[in-house]
């Protein structure tokens, strides 16, 4: 039972209404990396920064999606390159606190209509973090 709770708790990074879900309008430029970033959000809480926390909570979840075979202990070295590339192409890496992800998951479960790309992009721009 504890493992099930933990899996759901960690999975909130996927289930915010500002992330892409089946039924949402896809982005007009279906780039693999950007679609991976559309499907998840990073976490801003300080307790998701240490390596141990990253390993047990997927604290760097967007990076896990971009580089699924790279050890989480090495993802830190890729961050500057990813941030520079996102900035170069005018994209963002949205993040939210664990509480925002939890509340967003509740909203997502009650959603019955898909989000348009424009509305999702606009909502995500309020969560720009680096």
C-alpha atoms as a PDB file:
ATOM      1  CA  UNK A   1       0.000   0.000   0.000  1.00  0.00           C
ATOM      2  CA  UNK A   2       2.839   2.387   0.816  1.00  0.00           C
ATOM      3  CA  UNK A   3       4.445   1.764  -2.565  1.00  0.00           C
ATOM      4  CA  UNK A   4       1.163   2.553  -4.332  1.00  0.00           C
ATOM      5  CA  UNK A   5       0.814   5.825  -2.419  1.00  0.00           C
ATOM      6  CA  UNK A   6       4.413   6.782  -3.230  1.00  0.00           C
ATOM      7  CA  UNK A   7       3.968   5.978  -6.928  1.00  0.00           C
ATOM      8  CA  UNK A   8       0.865   8.195  -7.111  1.00  0.00           C
ATOM      9  CA  UNK A   9       2.574  10.980  -5.145  1.00  0.00           C
ATOM     10  CA  UNK A  10       5.595  10.953  -7.461  1.00  0.00           C
ATOM     11  CA  UNK A  11       3.377  10.720 -10.557  1.00  0.00           C
ATOM     12  CA  UNK A  12       1.793  14.131  -9.995  1.00  0.00           C
ATOM     13  CA  UNK A  13       4.455  15.610 -12.295  1.00  0.00           C
ATOM     14  CA  UNK A  14       2.504  14.033 -15.172  1.00  0.00           C
ATOM     15  CA  UNK A  15      -1.046  14.937 -14.202  1.00  0.00           C
ATOM     16  CA  UNK A  16      -1.271  18.704 -14.045  1.00  0.00           C
ATOM     17  CA  UNK A  17      -3.813  20.329 -16.409  1.00  0.00           C
ATOM     18  CA  UNK A  18      -0.997  22.358 -18.002  1.00  0.00           C
ATOM     19  CA  UNK A  19       0.742  19.212 -19.222  1.00  0.00           C
ATOM     20  CA  UNK A  20      -0.229  17.360 -22.390  1.00  0.00           C
ATOM     21  CA  UNK A  21      -2.854  14.622 -22.042  1.00  0.00           C
ATOM     22  CA  UNK A  22      -4.726  12.460 -24.522  1.00  0.00           C
ATOM     23  CA  UNK A  23      -7.480  14.617 -26.016  1.00  0.00           C
ATOM     24  CA  UNK A  24      -5.479  17.860 -25.827  1.00  0.00           C
ATOM     25  CA  UNK A  25      -4.520  19.689 -28.988  1.00  0.00           C
ATOM     26  CA  UNK A  26      -0.891  18.779 -29.764  1.00  0.00           C
ATOM     27  CA  UNK A  27       1.750  21.427 -30.378  1.00  0.00           C
ATOM     28  CA  UNK A  28       1.987  22.569 -34.019  1.00  0.00           C
ATOM     29  CA  UNK A  29       5.679  21.577 -34.259  1.00  0.00           C
ATOM     30  CA  UNK A  30       5.877  17.975 -33.015  1.00  0.00           C
ATOM     31  CA  UNK A  31       9.529  17.998 -31.953  1.00  0.00           C
ATOM     32  CA  UNK A  32      10.343  14.919 -29.852  1.00  0.00           C
ATOM     33  CA  UNK A  33      12.136  16.806 -27.088  1.00  0.00           C
ATOM     34  CA  UNK A  34       9.496  19.509 -26.792  1.00  0.00           C
ATOM     35  CA  UNK A  35       6.733  16.899 -26.712  1.00  0.00           C
ATOM     36  CA  UNK A  36       8.584  15.199 -23.842  1.00  0.00           C
ATOM     37  CA  UNK A  37       8.669  18.506 -21.967  1.00  0.00           C
ATOM     38  CA  UNK A  38       4.962  19.048 -22.695  1.00  0.00           C
ATOM     39  CA  UNK A  39       4.156  15.772 -20.928  1.00  0.00           C
ATOM     40  CA  UNK A  40       5.661  16.616 -17.544  1.00  0.00           C
ATOM     41  CA  UNK A  41       6.611  19.419 -15.151  1.00  0.00           C
ATOM     42  CA  UNK A  42       9.645  19.916 -12.963  1.00  0.00           C
ATOM     43  CA  UNK A  43       9.494  20.466  -9.212  1.00  0.00           C
ATOM     44  CA  UNK A  44      10.549  23.700  -7.515  1.00  0.00           C
ATOM     45  CA  UNK A  45      10.596  22.607  -3.876  1.00  0.00           C
ATOM     46  CA  UNK A  46      13.994  22.728  -2.153  1.00  0.00           C
ATOM     47  CA  UNK A  47      13.610  19.153  -0.911  1.00  0.00           C
ATOM     48  CA  UNK A  48      13.565  17.876  -4.507  1.00  0.00           C
ATOM     49  CA  UNK A  49      17.090  19.219  -5.195  1.00  0.00           C
ATOM     50  CA  UNK A  50      19.454  16.797  -3.358  1.00  0.00           C
ATOM     51  CA  UNK A  51      20.482  13.734  -5.364  1.00  0.00           C
ATOM     52  CA  UNK A  52      18.819  11.286  -2.947  1.00  0.00           C
ATOM     53  CA  UNK A  53      15.519  13.107  -3.341  1.00  0.00           C
ATOM     54  CA  UNK A  54      15.937  13.256  -7.120  1.00  0.00           C
ATOM     55  CA  UNK A  55      16.516   9.500  -7.175  1.00  0.00           C
ATOM     56  CA  UNK A  56      13.432   8.596  -5.119  1.00  0.00           C
ATOM     57  CA  UNK A  57      11.003  11.270  -6.381  1.00  0.00           C
ATOM     58  CA  UNK A  58      12.144  11.845  -9.978  1.00  0.00           C
ATOM     59  CA  UNK A  59      12.790  15.448  -8.967  1.00  0.00           C
ATOM     60  CA  UNK A  60      14.298  16.170 -12.390  1.00  0.00           C
ATOM     61  CA  UNK A  61      11.430  14.542 -14.220  1.00  0.00           C
ATOM     62  CA  UNK A  62      11.612  16.585 -17.454  1.00  0.00           C
ATOM     63  CA  UNK A  63      15.296  15.672 -17.754  1.00  0.00           C
ATOM     64  CA  UNK A  64      14.411  12.024 -17.138  1.00  0.00           C
ATOM     65  CA  UNK A  65      12.029  12.251 -20.113  1.00  0.00           C
ATOM     66  CA  UNK A  66      14.643  13.879 -22.331  1.00  0.00           C
ATOM     67  CA  UNK A  67      17.445  11.504 -21.336  1.00  0.00           C
ATOM     68  CA  UNK A  68      15.776   8.313 -20.047  1.00  0.00           C
ATOM     69  CA  UNK A  69      18.931   6.183 -20.177  1.00  0.00           C
ATOM     70  CA  UNK A  70      21.230   8.671 -18.436  1.00  0.00           C
ATOM     71  CA  UNK A  71      21.825   8.083 -14.738  1.00  0.00           C
ATOM     72  CA  UNK A  72      20.032  10.688 -12.635  1.00  0.00           C
ATOM     73  CA  UNK A  73      23.316  11.500 -10.909  1.00  0.00           C
ATOM     74  CA  UNK A  74      24.651  12.752 -14.267  1.00  0.00           C
ATOM     75  CA  UNK A  75      21.647  14.838 -15.368  1.00  0.00           C
ATOM     76  CA  UNK A  76      23.048  17.870 -13.534  1.00  0.00           C
ATOM     77  CA  UNK A  77      25.786  18.128 -16.172  1.00  0.00           C
ATOM     78  CA  UNK A  78      23.230  18.362 -18.999  1.00  0.00           C
ATOM     79  CA  UNK A  79      21.109  21.122 -17.449  1.00  0.00           C
ATOM     80  CA  UNK A  80      23.147  24.128 -18.687  1.00  0.00           C
ATOM     81  CA  UNK A  81      23.033  22.817 -22.254  1.00  0.00           C
ATOM     82  CA  UNK A  82      19.288  22.157 -22.106  1.00  0.00           C
ATOM     83  CA  UNK A  83      18.548  25.579 -20.590  1.00  0.00           C
ATOM     84  CA  UNK A  84      20.679  27.325 -23.239  1.00  0.00           C
ATOM     85  CA  UNK A  85      18.947  25.392 -26.023  1.00  0.00           C
ATOM     86  CA  UNK A  86      15.475  26.165 -24.663  1.00  0.00           C
ATOM     87  CA  UNK A  87      16.353  29.848 -24.414  1.00  0.00           C
ATOM     88  CA  UNK A  88      17.775  29.841 -27.950  1.00  0.00           C
ATOM     89  CA  UNK A  89      14.492  28.529 -29.355  1.00  0.00           C
ATOM     90  CA  UNK A  90      12.188  30.566 -27.097  1.00  0.00           C
ATOM     91  CA  UNK A  91      10.870  27.582 -25.151  1.00  0.00           C
ATOM     92  CA  UNK A  92      10.490  27.052 -21.424  1.00  0.00           C
ATOM     93  CA  UNK A  93      10.835  24.384 -18.785  1.00  0.00           C
ATOM     94  CA  UNK A  94       7.754  24.734 -16.605  1.00  0.00           C
ATOM     95  CA  UNK A  95       8.003  23.814 -12.945  1.00  0.00           C
ATOM     96  CA  UNK A  96       5.645  23.777  -9.996  1.00  0.00           C
ATOM     97  CA  UNK A  97       5.755  23.004  -6.299  1.00  0.00           C
ATOM     98  CA  UNK A  98       4.656  19.589  -5.055  1.00  0.00           C
ATOM     99  CA  UNK A  99       1.505  21.234  -3.664  1.00  0.00           C
ATOM    100  CA  UNK A 100       0.713  22.840  -7.030  1.00  0.00           C
ATOM    101  CA  UNK A 101       1.242  19.478  -8.737  1.00  0.00           C
ATOM    102  CA  UNK A 102      -1.045  17.758  -6.211  1.00  0.00           C
ATOM    103  CA  UNK A 103      -3.808  20.350  -6.624  1.00  0.00           C
ATOM    104  CA  UNK A 104      -3.369  20.323 -10.393  1.00  0.00           C
ATOM    105  CA  UNK A 105      -3.778  16.539 -10.459  1.00  0.00           C
ATOM    106  CA  UNK A 106      -7.145  16.921  -8.721  1.00  0.00           C
ATOM    107  CA  UNK A 107      -8.239  19.478 -11.330  1.00  0.00           C
ATOM    108  CA  UNK A 108      -6.979  17.219 -14.130  1.00  0.00           C
ATOM    109  CA  UNK A 109      -9.030  14.272 -12.885  1.00  0.00           C
ATOM    110  CA  UNK A 110     -12.180  16.388 -13.156  1.00  0.00           C
ATOM    111  CA  UNK A 111     -11.422  17.788 -16.602  1.00  0.00           C
ATOM    112  CA  UNK A 112     -13.753  16.619 -19.390  1.00  0.00           C
ATOM    113  CA  UNK A 113     -12.557  18.753 -22.314  1.00  0.00           C
ATOM    114  CA  UNK A 114      -9.174  18.878 -23.980  1.00  0.00           C
ATOM    115  CA  UNK A 115      -6.960  21.948 -23.747  1.00  0.00           C
ATOM    116  CA  UNK A 116      -5.980  23.841 -26.847  1.00  0.00           C
ATOM    117  CA  UNK A 117      -2.278  24.283 -27.501  1.00  0.00           C
ATOM    118  CA  UNK A 118      -2.592  28.069 -27.126  1.00  0.00           C
ATOM    119  CA  UNK A 119      -4.320  27.910 -23.726  1.00  0.00           C
ATOM    120  CA  UNK A 120      -1.843  25.314 -22.416  1.00  0.00           C
ATOM    121  CA  UNK A 121       1.131  27.367 -23.640  1.00  0.00           C
ATOM    122  CA  UNK A 122      -0.277  30.537 -22.063  1.00  0.00           C
ATOM    123  CA  UNK A 123      -0.895  28.822 -18.718  1.00  0.00           C
ATOM    124  CA  UNK A 124       2.571  27.258 -18.732  1.00  0.00           C
ATOM    125  CA  UNK A 125       4.261  30.620 -19.315  1.00  0.00           C
ATOM    126  CA  UNK A 126       3.124  31.694 -15.861  1.00  0.00           C
ATOM    127  CA  UNK A 127       5.301  28.915 -14.417  1.00  0.00           C
ATOM    128  CA  UNK A 128       8.640  29.731 -16.058  1.00  0.00           C
ATOM    129  CA  UNK A 129      11.532  28.698 -13.871  1.00  0.00           C
ATOM    130  CA  UNK A 130      15.177  28.033 -14.361  1.00  0.00           C
END
